[in-house]
Amino acid sequence: MIIYHNPRCGKSRKAVETLNQPSCEVVEYLKKPLSVDELKSLASKLEMSPLQFTRTKEPIFQELFAGKNPTDEELYKAIAKYPILMERPIVVKGDKAWIVRTEEALGKLKR
């Protein structure tokens, strides 16, 4: 299991606390941003478009895309360059991934 984690985010800290186990890899994605190819793989595991796991209220998103409709490729490049744009926490288990922002979502993964 991999947890893409931002230690400044309470929901992300809760996910690490709840799911952390010896076989779990915690990745601080702000320190180690994902590449465009890794983001595409993550999107496939999430079964989402990049827009669906982009934090659109971040100032950098507004700066880059205000009044625009960015393409998936533009979003992948933006998230790779500005990892703060990626939603968190994201948990990857095998070929599936989830954004786990609620206690309910965490509970399902813990089972």
PDB file of N, CA and C in Angstrom:
ATOM      1  N   MET A   1       0.856  -1.171   0.000  1.00  0.00           N
ATOM      2  CA  MET A   1       0.000   0.000   0.000  1.00  0.00           C
ATOM      3  C   MET A   1       0.905   1.237   0.000  1.00  0.00           C
ATOM      4  N   ILE A   2       0.504   2.242  -0.758  1.00  0.00           N
ATOM      5  CA  ILE A   2       1.212   3.519  -0.823  1.00  0.00           C
ATOM      6  C   ILE A   2       0.231   4.614  -0.419  1.00  0.00           C
ATOM      7  N   ILE A   3       0.677   5.516   0.434  1.00  0.00           N
ATOM      8  CA  ILE A   3      -0.130   6.674   0.807  1.00  0.00           C
ATOM      9  C   ILE A   3       0.598   7.920   0.320  1.00  0.00           C
ATOM     10  N   TYR A   4      -0.025   8.672  -0.579  1.00  0.00           N
ATOM     11  CA  TYR A   4       0.517   9.961  -1.001  1.00  0.00           C
ATOM     12  C   TYR A   4       0.046  10.972   0.028  1.00  0.00           C
ATOM     13  N   HIS A   5       1.000  11.505   0.760  1.00  0.00           N
ATOM     14  CA  HIS A   5       0.745  12.211   2.018  1.00  0.00           C
ATOM     15  C   HIS A   5       1.319  13.623   2.016  1.00  0.00           C
ATOM     16  N   ASN A   6       0.533  14.543   2.599  1.00  0.00           N
ATOM     17  CA  ASN A   6       0.997  15.899   2.886  1.00  0.00           C
ATOM     18  C   ASN A   6       0.898  16.060   4.403  1.00  0.00           C
ATOM     19  N   PRO A   7       2.030  16.117   5.110  1.00  0.00           N
ATOM     20  CA  PRO A   7       1.992  16.179   6.569  1.00  0.00           C
ATOM     21  C   PRO A   7       1.313  17.427   7.133  1.00  0.00           C
ATOM     22  N   ARG A   8       1.096  18.449   6.317  1.00  0.00           N
ATOM     23  CA  ARG A   8       0.417  19.665   6.780  1.00  0.00           C
ATOM     24  C   ARG A   8      -1.106  19.538   6.716  1.00  0.00           C
ATOM     25  N   CYS A   9      -1.592  18.439   6.152  1.00  0.00           N
ATOM     26  CA  CYS A   9      -3.031  18.210   5.985  1.00  0.00           C
ATOM     27  C   CYS A   9      -3.537  17.252   7.061  1.00  0.00           C
ATOM     28  N   GLY A  10      -4.530  17.681   7.831  1.00  0.00           N
ATOM     29  CA  GLY A  10      -5.082  16.862   8.890  1.00  0.00           C
ATOM     30  C   GLY A  10      -5.669  15.552   8.391  1.00  0.00           C
ATOM     31  N   LYS A  11      -6.377  15.582   7.279  1.00  0.00           N
ATOM     32  CA  LYS A  11      -6.986  14.359   6.741  1.00  0.00           C
ATOM     33  C   LYS A  11      -5.897  13.391   6.275  1.00  0.00           C
ATOM     34  N   SER A  12      -4.826  13.938   5.743  1.00  0.00           N
ATOM     35  CA  SER A  12      -3.714  13.112   5.307  1.00  0.00           C
ATOM     36  C   SER A  12      -3.008  12.484   6.515  1.00  0.00           C
ATOM     37  N   ARG A  13      -2.799  13.269   7.566  1.00  0.00           N
ATOM     38  CA  ARG A  13      -2.184  12.732   8.788  1.00  0.00           C
ATOM     39  C   ARG A  13      -3.045  11.615   9.375  1.00  0.00           C
ATOM     40  N   LYS A  14      -4.352  11.801   9.357  1.00  0.00           N
ATOM     41  CA  LYS A  14      -5.276  10.792   9.879  1.00  0.00           C
ATOM     42  C   LYS A  14      -5.172   9.498   9.061  1.00  0.00           C
ATOM     43  N   ALA A  15      -5.071   9.611   7.759  1.00  0.00           N
ATOM     44  CA  ALA A  15      -4.947   8.430   6.902  1.00  0.00           C
ATOM     45  C   ALA A  15      -3.664   7.671   7.225  1.00  0.00           C
ATOM     46  N   VAL A  16      -2.564   8.390   7.384  1.00  0.00           N
ATOM     47  CA  VAL A  16      -1.289   7.737   7.709  1.00  0.00           C
ATOM     48  C   VAL A  16      -1.394   7.053   9.065  1.00  0.00           C
ATOM     49  N   GLU A  17      -1.958   7.738  10.030  1.00  0.00           N
ATOM     50  CA  GLU A  17      -2.115   7.186  11.380  1.00  0.00           C
ATOM     51  C   GLU A  17      -2.982   5.927  11.362  1.00  0.00           C
ATOM     52  N   THR A  18      -4.061   5.952  10.602  1.00  0.00           N
ATOM     53  CA  THR A  18      -5.006   4.843  10.564  1.00  0.00           C
ATOM     54  C   THR A  18      -4.494   3.665   9.743  1.00  0.00           C
ATOM     55  N   LEU A  19      -3.873   3.945   8.613  1.00  0.00           N
ATOM     56  CA  LEU A  19      -3.503   2.882   7.674  1.00  0.00           C
ATOM     57  C   LEU A  19      -2.045   2.444   7.770  1.00  0.00           C
ATOM     58  N   ASN A  20      -1.213   3.216   8.455  1.00  0.00           N
ATOM     59  CA  ASN A  20       0.216   2.920   8.485  1.00  0.00           C
ATOM     60  C   ASN A  20       0.475   1.544   9.086  1.00  0.00           C
ATOM     61  N   GLN A  21       1.215   0.748   8.343  1.00  0.00           N
ATOM     62  CA  GLN A  21       1.596  -0.586   8.756  1.00  0.00           C
ATOM     63  C   GLN A  21       2.939  -0.899   8.109  1.00  0.00           C
ATOM     64  N   PRO A  22       3.619  -1.965   8.534  1.00  0.00           N
ATOM     65  CA  PRO A  22       4.959  -2.238   7.991  1.00  0.00           C
ATOM     66  C   PRO A  22       5.020  -2.304   6.467  1.00  0.00           C
ATOM     67  N   SER A  23       3.958  -2.792   5.839  1.00  0.00           N
ATOM     68  CA  SER A  23       3.977  -2.922   4.369  1.00  0.00           C
ATOM     69  C   SER A  23       3.524  -1.647   3.655  1.00  0.00           C
ATOM     70  N   CYS A  24       3.314  -0.580   4.399  1.00  0.00           N
ATOM     71  CA  CYS A  24       2.794   0.661   3.836  1.00  0.00           C
ATOM     72  C   CYS A  24       3.937   1.640   3.565  1.00  0.00           C
ATOM     73  N   GLU A  25       3.956   2.184   2.361  1.00  0.00           N
ATOM     74  CA  GLU A  25       4.946   3.195   1.994  1.00  0.00           C
ATOM     75  C   GLU A  25       4.261   4.560   2.021  1.00  0.00           C
ATOM     76  N   VAL A  26       4.821   5.468   2.822  1.00  0.00           N
ATOM     77  CA  VAL A  26       4.291   6.821   2.902  1.00  0.00           C
ATOM     78  C   VAL A  26       5.161   7.714   2.032  1.00  0.00           C
ATOM     79  N   VAL A  27       4.542   8.360   1.042  1.00  0.00           N
ATOM     80  CA  VAL A  27       5.266   9.218   0.109  1.00  0.00           C
ATOM     81  C   VAL A  27       4.818  10.659   0.329  1.00  0.00           C
ATOM     82  N   GLU A  28       5.749  11.503   0.747  1.00  0.00           N
ATOM     83  CA  GLU A  28       5.460  12.931   0.865  1.00  0.00           C
ATOM     84  C   GLU A  28       5.628  13.539  -0.521  1.00  0.00           C
ATOM     85  N   TYR A  29       4.528  13.586  -1.247  1.00  0.00           N
ATOM     86  CA  TYR A  29       4.572  13.952  -2.665  1.00  0.00           C
ATOM     87  C   TYR A  29       4.984  15.399  -2.910  1.00  0.00           C
ATOM     88  N   LEU A  30       4.936  16.256  -1.890  1.00  0.00           N
ATOM     89  CA  LEU A  30       5.423  17.625  -2.079  1.00  0.00           C
ATOM     90  C   LEU A  30       6.943  17.633  -2.160  1.00  0.00           C
ATOM     91  N   LYS A  31       7.587  16.690  -1.468  1.00  0.00           N
ATOM     92  CA  LYS A  31       9.050  16.570  -1.504  1.00  0.00           C
ATOM     93  C   LYS A  31       9.512  15.737  -2.691  1.00  0.00           C
ATOM     94  N   LYS A  32       8.676  14.792  -3.088  1.00  0.00           N
ATOM     95  CA  LYS A  32       9.004  13.885  -4.195  1.00  0.00           C
ATOM     96  C   LYS A  32       7.829  13.859  -5.168  1.00  0.00           C
ATOM     97  N   PRO A  33       7.708  14.907  -5.995  1.00  0.00           N
ATOM     98  CA  PRO A  33       6.561  14.995  -6.919  1.00  0.00           C
ATOM     99  C   PRO A  33       6.512  13.830  -7.901  1.00  0.00           C
ATOM    100  N   LEU A  34       5.314  13.479  -8.289  1.00  0.00           N
ATOM    101  CA  LEU A  34       5.127  12.425  -9.270  1.00  0.00           C
ATOM    102  C   LEU A  34       5.390  12.970 -10.668  1.00  0.00           C
ATOM    103  N   SER A  35       5.893  12.119 -11.532  1.00  0.00           N
ATOM    104  CA  SER A  35       6.115  12.498 -12.930  1.00  0.00           C
ATOM    105  C   SER A  35       4.778  12.464 -13.662  1.00  0.00           C
ATOM    106  N   VAL A  36       4.767  12.981 -14.862  1.00  0.00           N
ATOM    107  CA  VAL A  36       3.559  12.941 -15.688  1.00  0.00           C
ATOM    108  C   VAL A  36       3.109  11.494 -15.890  1.00  0.00           C
ATOM    109  N   ASP A  37       4.048  10.596 -16.177  1.00  0.00           N
ATOM    110  CA  ASP A  37       3.688   9.186 -16.372  1.00  0.00           C
ATOM    111  C   ASP A  37       3.129   8.568 -15.094  1.00  0.00           C
ATOM    112  N   GLU A  38       3.714   8.892 -13.942  1.00  0.00           N
ATOM    113  CA  GLU A  38       3.198   8.379 -12.670  1.00  0.00           C
ATOM    114  C   GLU A  38       1.799   8.926 -12.394  1.00  0.00           C
ATOM    115  N   LEU A  39       1.563  10.177 -12.732  1.00  0.00           N
ATOM    116  CA  LEU A  39       0.235  10.772 -12.550  1.00  0.00           C
ATOM    117  C   LEU A  39      -0.796  10.106 -13.458  1.00  0.00           C
ATOM    118  N   LYS A  40      -0.411   9.781 -14.669  1.00  0.00           N
ATOM    119  CA  LYS A  40      -1.322   9.086 -15.584  1.00  0.00           C
ATOM    120  C   LYS A  40      -1.668   7.705 -15.044  1.00  0.00           C
ATOM    121  N   SER A  41      -0.687   7.015 -14.505  1.00  0.00           N
ATOM    122  CA  SER A  41      -0.924   5.706 -13.906  1.00  0.00           C
ATOM    123  C   SER A  41      -1.848   5.839 -12.694  1.00  0.00           C
ATOM    124  N   LEU A  42      -1.613   6.862 -11.886  1.00  0.00           N
ATOM    125  CA  LEU A  42      -2.451   7.110 -10.719  1.00  0.00           C
ATOM    126  C   LEU A  42      -3.895   7.407 -11.138  1.00  0.00           C
ATOM    127  N   ALA A  43      -4.074   8.220 -12.167  1.00  0.00           N
ATOM    128  CA  ALA A  43      -5.409   8.541 -12.668  1.00  0.00           C
ATOM    129  C   ALA A  43      -6.137   7.270 -13.106  1.00  0.00           C
ATOM    130  N   SER A  44      -5.417   6.366 -13.742  1.00  0.00           N
ATOM    131  CA  SER A  44      -6.004   5.101 -14.175  1.00  0.00           C
ATOM    132  C   SER A  44      -6.445   4.274 -12.966  1.00  0.00           C
ATOM    133  N   LYS A  45      -5.608   4.234 -11.938  1.00  0.00           N
ATOM    134  CA  LYS A  45      -5.951   3.473 -10.725  1.00  0.00           C
ATOM    135  C   LYS A  45      -7.120   4.112  -9.977  1.00  0.00           C
ATOM    136  N   LEU A  46      -7.193   5.431 -10.002  1.00  0.00           N
ATOM    137  CA  LEU A  46      -8.300   6.147  -9.376  1.00  0.00           C
ATOM    138  C   LEU A  46      -9.581   6.053 -10.198  1.00  0.00           C
ATOM    139  N   GLU A  47      -9.423   5.747 -11.489  1.00  0.00           N
ATOM    140  CA  GLU A  47     -10.514   5.767 -12.460  1.00  0.00           C
ATOM    141  C   GLU A  47     -11.120   7.168 -12.513  1.00  0.00           C
ATOM    142  N   MET A  48     -10.217   8.148 -12.597  1.00  0.00           N
ATOM    143  CA  MET A  48     -10.609   9.557 -12.633  1.00  0.00           C
ATOM    144  C   MET A  48      -9.802  10.293 -13.693  1.00  0.00           C
ATOM    145  N   SER A  49     -10.368  11.401 -14.138  1.00  0.00           N
ATOM    146  CA  SER A  49      -9.599  12.317 -14.973  1.00  0.00           C
ATOM    147  C   SER A  49      -8.696  13.122 -14.036  1.00  0.00           C
ATOM    148  N   PRO A  50      -7.639  13.737 -14.536  1.00  0.00           N
ATOM    149  CA  PRO A  50      -6.781  14.517 -13.643  1.00  0.00           C
ATOM    150  C   PRO A  50      -7.523  15.675 -12.968  1.00  0.00           C
ATOM    151  N   LEU A  51      -8.502  16.232 -13.638  1.00  0.00           N
ATOM    152  CA  LEU A  51      -9.262  17.328 -13.029  1.00  0.00           C
ATOM    153  C   LEU A  51      -9.965  16.874 -11.752  1.00  0.00           C
ATOM    154  N   GLN A  52     -10.379  15.609 -11.717  1.00  0.00           N
ATOM    155  CA  GLN A  52     -11.112  15.087 -10.564  1.00  0.00           C
ATOM    156  C   GLN A  52     -10.243  14.929  -9.317  1.00  0.00           C
ATOM    157  N   PHE A  53      -8.914  14.896  -9.478  1.00  0.00           N
ATOM    158  CA  PHE A  53      -8.059  14.836  -8.292  1.00  0.00           C
ATOM    159  C   PHE A  53      -7.114  16.039  -8.217  1.00  0.00           C
ATOM    160  N   THR A  54      -7.570  17.132  -8.819  1.00  0.00           N
ATOM    161  CA  THR A  54      -6.833  18.393  -8.770  1.00  0.00           C
ATOM    162  C   THR A  54      -7.520  19.337  -7.799  1.00  0.00           C
ATOM    163  N   ARG A  55      -6.712  19.997  -6.994  1.00  0.00           N
ATOM    164  CA  ARG A  55      -7.221  20.983  -6.036  1.00  0.00           C
ATOM    165  C   ARG A  55      -7.386  22.316  -6.787  1.00  0.00           C
ATOM    166  N   THR A  56      -8.566  22.519  -7.328  1.00  0.00           N
ATOM    167  CA  THR A  56      -8.815  23.663  -8.205  1.00  0.00           C
ATOM    168  C   THR A  56      -8.911  24.995  -7.458  1.00  0.00           C
ATOM    169  N   LYS A  57      -9.016  24.945  -6.136  1.00  0.00           N
ATOM    170  CA  LYS A  57      -9.090  26.192  -5.371  1.00  0.00           C
ATOM    171  C   LYS A  57      -7.718  26.703  -4.939  1.00  0.00           C
ATOM    172  N   GLU A  58      -6.680  25.942  -5.236  1.00  0.00           N
ATOM    173  CA  GLU A  58      -5.325  26.404  -4.926  1.00  0.00           C
ATOM    174  C   GLU A  58      -5.009  27.647  -5.769  1.00  0.00           C
ATOM    175  N   PRO A  59      -4.358  28.633  -5.189  1.00  0.00           N
ATOM    176  CA  PRO A  59      -4.016  29.854  -5.942  1.00  0.00           C
ATOM    177  C   PRO A  59      -3.253  29.588  -7.238  1.00  0.00           C
ATOM    178  N   ILE A  60      -2.351  28.610  -7.224  1.00  0.00           N
ATOM    179  CA  ILE A  60      -1.569  28.338  -8.437  1.00  0.00           C
ATOM    180  C   ILE A  60      -2.467  27.806  -9.556  1.00  0.00           C
ATOM    181  N   PHE A  61      -3.507  27.059  -9.215  1.00  0.00           N
ATOM    182  CA  PHE A  61      -4.448  26.599 -10.235  1.00  0.00           C
ATOM    183  C   PHE A  61      -5.146  27.795 -10.865  1.00  0.00           C
ATOM    184  N   GLN A  62      -5.615  28.702 -10.027  1.00  0.00           N
ATOM    185  CA  GLN A  62      -6.291  29.901 -10.527  1.00  0.00           C
ATOM    186  C   GLN A  62      -5.357  30.734 -11.403  1.00  0.00           C
ATOM    187  N   GLU A  63      -4.110  30.833 -10.966  1.00  0.00           N
ATOM    188  CA  GLU A  63      -3.112  31.588 -11.724  1.00  0.00           C
ATOM    189  C   GLU A  63      -2.889  30.984 -13.111  1.00  0.00           C
ATOM    190  N   LEU A  64      -2.785  29.666 -13.148  1.00  0.00           N
ATOM    191  CA  LEU A  64      -2.489  28.974 -14.407  1.00  0.00           C
ATOM    192  C   LEU A  64      -3.692  28.853 -15.336  1.00  0.00           C
ATOM    193  N   PHE A  65      -4.881  28.632 -14.746  1.00  0.00           N
ATOM    194  CA  PHE A  65      -6.011  28.217 -15.575  1.00  0.00           C
ATOM    195  C   PHE A  65      -7.274  29.055 -15.427  1.00  0.00           C
ATOM    196  N   ALA A  66      -7.205  30.193 -14.785  1.00  0.00           N
ATOM    197  CA  ALA A  66      -8.405  31.024 -14.603  1.00  0.00           C
ATOM    198  C   ALA A  66      -9.068  31.297 -15.951  1.00  0.00           C
ATOM    199  N   GLY A  67     -10.345  30.974 -16.044  1.00  0.00           N
ATOM    200  CA  GLY A  67     -11.103  31.225 -17.261  1.00  0.00           C
ATOM    201  C   GLY A  67     -10.773  30.281 -18.402  1.00  0.00           C
ATOM    202  N   LYS A  68      -9.963  29.256 -18.127  1.00  0.00           N
ATOM    203  CA  LYS A  68      -9.582  28.303 -19.177  1.00  0.00           C
ATOM    204  C   LYS A  68     -10.150  26.931 -18.854  1.00  0.00           C
ATOM    205  N   ASN A  69     -10.177  26.100 -19.857  1.00  0.00           N
ATOM    206  CA  ASN A  69     -10.579  24.715 -19.698  1.00  0.00           C
ATOM    207  C   ASN A  69      -9.353  23.859 -20.027  1.00  0.00           C
ATOM    208  N   PRO A  70      -8.488  23.565 -19.019  1.00  0.00           N
ATOM    209  CA  PRO A  70      -7.232  22.880 -19.324  1.00  0.00           C
ATOM    210  C   PRO A  70      -7.449  21.451 -19.822  1.00  0.00           C
ATOM    211  N   THR A  71      -6.560  21.033 -20.700  1.00  0.00           N
ATOM    212  CA  THR A  71      -6.588  19.651 -21.189  1.00  0.00           C
ATOM    213  C   THR A  71      -6.016  18.740 -20.103  1.00  0.00           C
ATOM    214  N   ASP A  72      -6.252  17.452 -20.247  1.00  0.00           N
ATOM    215  CA  ASP A  72      -5.673  16.486 -19.305  1.00  0.00           C
ATOM    216  C   ASP A  72      -4.154  16.617 -19.289  1.00  0.00           C
ATOM    217  N   GLU A  73      -3.567  16.734 -20.455  1.00  0.00           N
ATOM    218  CA  GLU A  73      -2.096  16.834 -20.541  1.00  0.00           C
ATOM    219  C   GLU A  73      -1.589  18.080 -19.811  1.00  0.00           C
ATOM    220  N   GLU A  74      -2.277  19.199 -19.968  1.00  0.00           N
ATOM    221  CA  GLU A  74      -1.889  20.420 -19.246  1.00  0.00           C
ATOM    222  C   GLU A  74      -1.990  20.223 -17.734  1.00  0.00           C
ATOM    223  N   LEU A  75      -3.021  19.513 -17.308  1.00  0.00           N
ATOM    224  CA  LEU A  75      -3.195  19.255 -15.877  1.00  0.00           C
ATOM    225  C   LEU A  75      -2.105  18.330 -15.343  1.00  0.00           C
ATOM    226  N   TYR A  76      -1.793  17.273 -16.072  1.00  0.00           N
ATOM    227  CA  TYR A  76      -0.721  16.379 -15.626  1.00  0.00           C
ATOM    228  C   TYR A  76       0.592  17.149 -15.467  1.00  0.00           C
ATOM    229  N   LYS A  77       0.907  17.983 -16.442  1.00  0.00           N
ATOM    230  CA  LYS A  77       2.151  18.768 -16.374  1.00  0.00           C
ATOM    231  C   LYS A  77       2.123  19.751 -15.210  1.00  0.00           C
ATOM    232  N   ALA A  78       0.977  20.364 -14.974  1.00  0.00           N
ATOM    233  CA  ALA A  78       0.855  21.324 -13.870  1.00  0.00           C
ATOM    234  C   ALA A  78       1.013  20.627 -12.520  1.00  0.00           C
ATOM    235  N   ILE A  79       0.379  19.462 -12.346  1.00  0.00           N
ATOM    236  CA  ILE A  79       0.491  18.735 -11.077  1.00  0.00           C
ATOM    237  C   ILE A  79       1.929  18.257 -10.865  1.00  0.00           C
ATOM    238  N   ALA A  80       2.582  17.815 -11.935  1.00  0.00           N
ATOM    239  CA  ALA A  80       3.977  17.376 -11.816  1.00  0.00           C
ATOM    240  C   ALA A  80       4.872  18.544 -11.383  1.00  0.00           C
ATOM    241  N   LYS A  81       4.597  19.720 -11.913  1.00  0.00           N
ATOM    242  CA  LYS A  81       5.417  20.899 -11.580  1.00  0.00           C
ATOM    243  C   LYS A  81       5.025  21.510 -10.234  1.00  0.00           C
ATOM    244  N   TYR A  82       3.732  21.494  -9.933  1.00  0.00           N
ATOM    245  CA  TYR A  82       3.198  22.084  -8.697  1.00  0.00           C
ATOM    246  C   TYR A  82       2.391  21.007  -7.952  1.00  0.00           C
ATOM    247  N   PRO A  83       3.075  20.116  -7.232  1.00  0.00           N
ATOM    248  CA  PRO A  83       2.380  18.982  -6.613  1.00  0.00           C
ATOM    249  C   PRO A  83       1.316  19.371  -5.584  1.00  0.00           C
ATOM    250  N   ILE A  84       1.337  20.600  -5.101  1.00  0.00           N
ATOM    251  CA  ILE A  84       0.293  21.060  -4.174  1.00  0.00           C
ATOM    252  C   ILE A  84      -1.090  20.953  -4.824  1.00  0.00           C
ATOM    253  N   LEU A  85      -1.137  20.864  -6.141  1.00  0.00           N
ATOM    254  CA  LEU A  85      -2.404  20.762  -6.859  1.00  0.00           C
ATOM    255  C   LEU A  85      -3.061  19.385  -6.729  1.00  0.00           C
ATOM    256  N   MET A  86      -2.299  18.389  -6.278  1.00  0.00           N
ATOM    257  CA  MET A  86      -2.865  17.042  -6.181  1.00  0.00           C
ATOM    258  C   MET A  86      -3.668  16.875  -4.898  1.00  0.00           C
ATOM    259  N   GLU A  87      -4.854  16.333  -5.041  1.00  0.00           N
ATOM    260  CA  GLU A  87      -5.709  16.043  -3.889  1.00  0.00           C
ATOM    261  C   GLU A  87      -4.989  15.065  -2.966  1.00  0.00           C
ATOM    262  N   ARG A  88      -5.337  15.105  -1.689  1.00  0.00           N
ATOM    263  CA  ARG A  88      -4.722  14.198  -0.735  1.00  0.00           C
ATOM    264  C   ARG A  88      -5.693  13.885   0.389  1.00  0.00           C
ATOM    265  N   PRO A  89      -5.429  12.799   1.055  1.00  0.00           N
ATOM    266  CA  PRO A  89      -4.453  11.740   0.767  1.00  0.00           C
ATOM    267  C   PRO A  89      -4.998  10.778  -0.285  1.00  0.00           C
ATOM    268  N   ILE A  90      -4.092  10.206  -1.042  1.00  0.00           N
ATOM    269  CA  ILE A  90      -4.446   9.175  -2.014  1.00  0.00           C
ATOM    270  C   ILE A  90      -3.758   7.894  -1.576  1.00  0.00           C
ATOM    271  N   VAL A  91      -4.532   6.826  -1.526  1.00  0.00           N
ATOM    272  CA  VAL A  91      -4.013   5.521  -1.135  1.00  0.00           C
ATOM    273  C   VAL A  91      -4.072   4.602  -2.349  1.00  0.00           C
ATOM    274  N   VAL A  92      -2.953   3.937  -2.619  1.00  0.00           N
ATOM    275  CA  VAL A  92      -2.864   2.981  -3.716  1.00  0.00           C
ATOM    276  C   VAL A  92      -2.653   1.597  -3.122  1.00  0.00           C
ATOM    277  N   LYS A  93      -3.475   0.683  -3.570  1.00  0.00           N
ATOM    278  CA  LYS A  93      -3.359  -0.712  -3.136  1.00  0.00           C
ATOM    279  C   LYS A  93      -3.498  -1.559  -4.384  1.00  0.00           C
ATOM    280  N   GLY A  94      -2.385  -2.121  -4.831  1.00  0.00           N
ATOM    281  CA  GLY A  94      -2.398  -2.910  -6.067  1.00  0.00           C
ATOM    282  C   GLY A  94      -2.701  -2.031  -7.260  1.00  0.00           C
ATOM    283  N   ASP A  95      -3.721  -2.419  -8.011  1.00  0.00           N
ATOM    284  CA  ASP A  95      -4.057  -1.657  -9.221  1.00  0.00           C
ATOM    285  C   ASP A  95      -5.242  -0.716  -9.002  1.00  0.00           C
ATOM    286  N   LYS A  96      -5.554  -0.428  -7.745  1.00  0.00           N
ATOM    287  CA  LYS A  96      -6.645   0.494  -7.402  1.00  0.00           C
ATOM    288  C   LYS A  96      -6.119   1.617  -6.516  1.00  0.00           C
ATOM    289  N   ALA A  97      -6.790   2.761  -6.575  1.00  0.00           N
ATOM    290  CA  ALA A  97      -6.422   3.893  -5.721  1.00  0.00           C
ATOM    291  C   ALA A  97      -7.689   4.625  -5.308  1.00  0.00           C
ATOM    292  N   TRP A  98      -7.600   5.304  -4.164  1.00  0.00           N
ATOM    293  CA  TRP A  98      -8.732   6.037  -3.614  1.00  0.00           C
ATOM    294  C   TRP A  98      -8.253   7.331  -2.984  1.00  0.00           C
ATOM    295  N   ILE A  99      -9.073   8.356  -3.065  1.00  0.00           N
ATOM    296  CA  ILE A  99      -8.869   9.562  -2.278  1.00  0.00           C
ATOM    297  C   ILE A  99      -9.626   9.304  -0.980  1.00  0.00           C
ATOM    298  N   VAL A 100      -8.925   9.334   0.143  1.00  0.00           N
ATOM    299  CA  VAL A 100      -9.551   8.945   1.410  1.00  0.00           C
ATOM    300  C   VAL A 100      -9.640  10.140   2.353  1.00  0.00           C
ATOM    301  N   ARG A 101     -10.638  10.959   2.143  1.00  0.00           N
ATOM    302  CA  ARG A 101     -10.816  12.176   2.924  1.00  0.00           C
ATOM    303  C   ARG A 101     -11.858  12.032   4.029  1.00  0.00           C
ATOM    304  N   THR A 102     -12.481  10.853   4.129  1.00  0.00           N
ATOM    305  CA  THR A 102     -13.511  10.672   5.156  1.00  0.00           C
ATOM    306  C   THR A 102     -13.185   9.455   6.019  1.00  0.00           C
ATOM    307  N   GLU A 103     -13.763   9.421   7.209  1.00  0.00           N
ATOM    308  CA  GLU A 103     -13.612   8.267   8.106  1.00  0.00           C
ATOM    309  C   GLU A 103     -14.173   7.008   7.436  1.00  0.00           C
ATOM    310  N   GLU A 104     -15.274   7.168   6.723  1.00  0.00           N
ATOM    311  CA  GLU A 104     -15.904   6.037   6.036  1.00  0.00           C
ATOM    312  C   GLU A 104     -14.949   5.417   5.014  1.00  0.00           C
ATOM    313  N   ALA A 105     -14.311   6.253   4.214  1.00  0.00           N
ATOM    314  CA  ALA A 105     -13.357   5.768   3.209  1.00  0.00           C
ATOM    315  C   ALA A 105     -12.172   5.071   3.873  1.00  0.00           C
ATOM    316  N   LEU A 106     -11.688   5.637   4.948  1.00  0.00           N
ATOM    317  CA  LEU A 106     -10.587   5.015   5.696  1.00  0.00           C
ATOM    318  C   LEU A 106     -11.007   3.655   6.240  1.00  0.00           C
ATOM    319  N   GLY A 107     -12.209   3.593   6.788  1.00  0.00           N
ATOM    320  CA  GLY A 107     -12.708   2.344   7.344  1.00  0.00           C
ATOM    321  C   GLY A 107     -12.778   1.231   6.312  1.00  0.00           C
ATOM    322  N   LYS A 108     -13.200   1.572   5.103  1.00  0.00           N
ATOM    323  CA  LYS A 108     -13.289   0.563   4.033  1.00  0.00           C
ATOM    324  C   LYS A 108     -11.901   0.021   3.673  1.00  0.00           C
ATOM    325  N   LEU A 109     -10.904   0.890   3.690  1.00  0.00           N
ATOM    326  CA  LEU A 109      -9.542   0.461   3.330  1.00  0.00           C
ATOM    327  C   LEU A 109      -8.889  -0.336   4.441  1.00  0.00           C
ATOM    328  N   LYS A 110      -9.279  -0.071   5.656  1.00  0.00           N
ATOM    329  CA  LYS A 110      -8.670  -0.736   6.809  1.00  0.00           C
ATOM    330  C   LYS A 110      -9.061  -2.211   6.878  1.00  0.00           C
ATOM    331  N   ARG A 111     -10.199  -2.549   6.299  1.00  0.00           N
ATOM    332  CA  ARG A 111     -10.683  -3.926   6.359  1.00  0.00           C
ATOM    333  C   ARG A 111      -9.818  -4.861   5.574  1.00  0.00           C
TER     334      ARG A 111
END
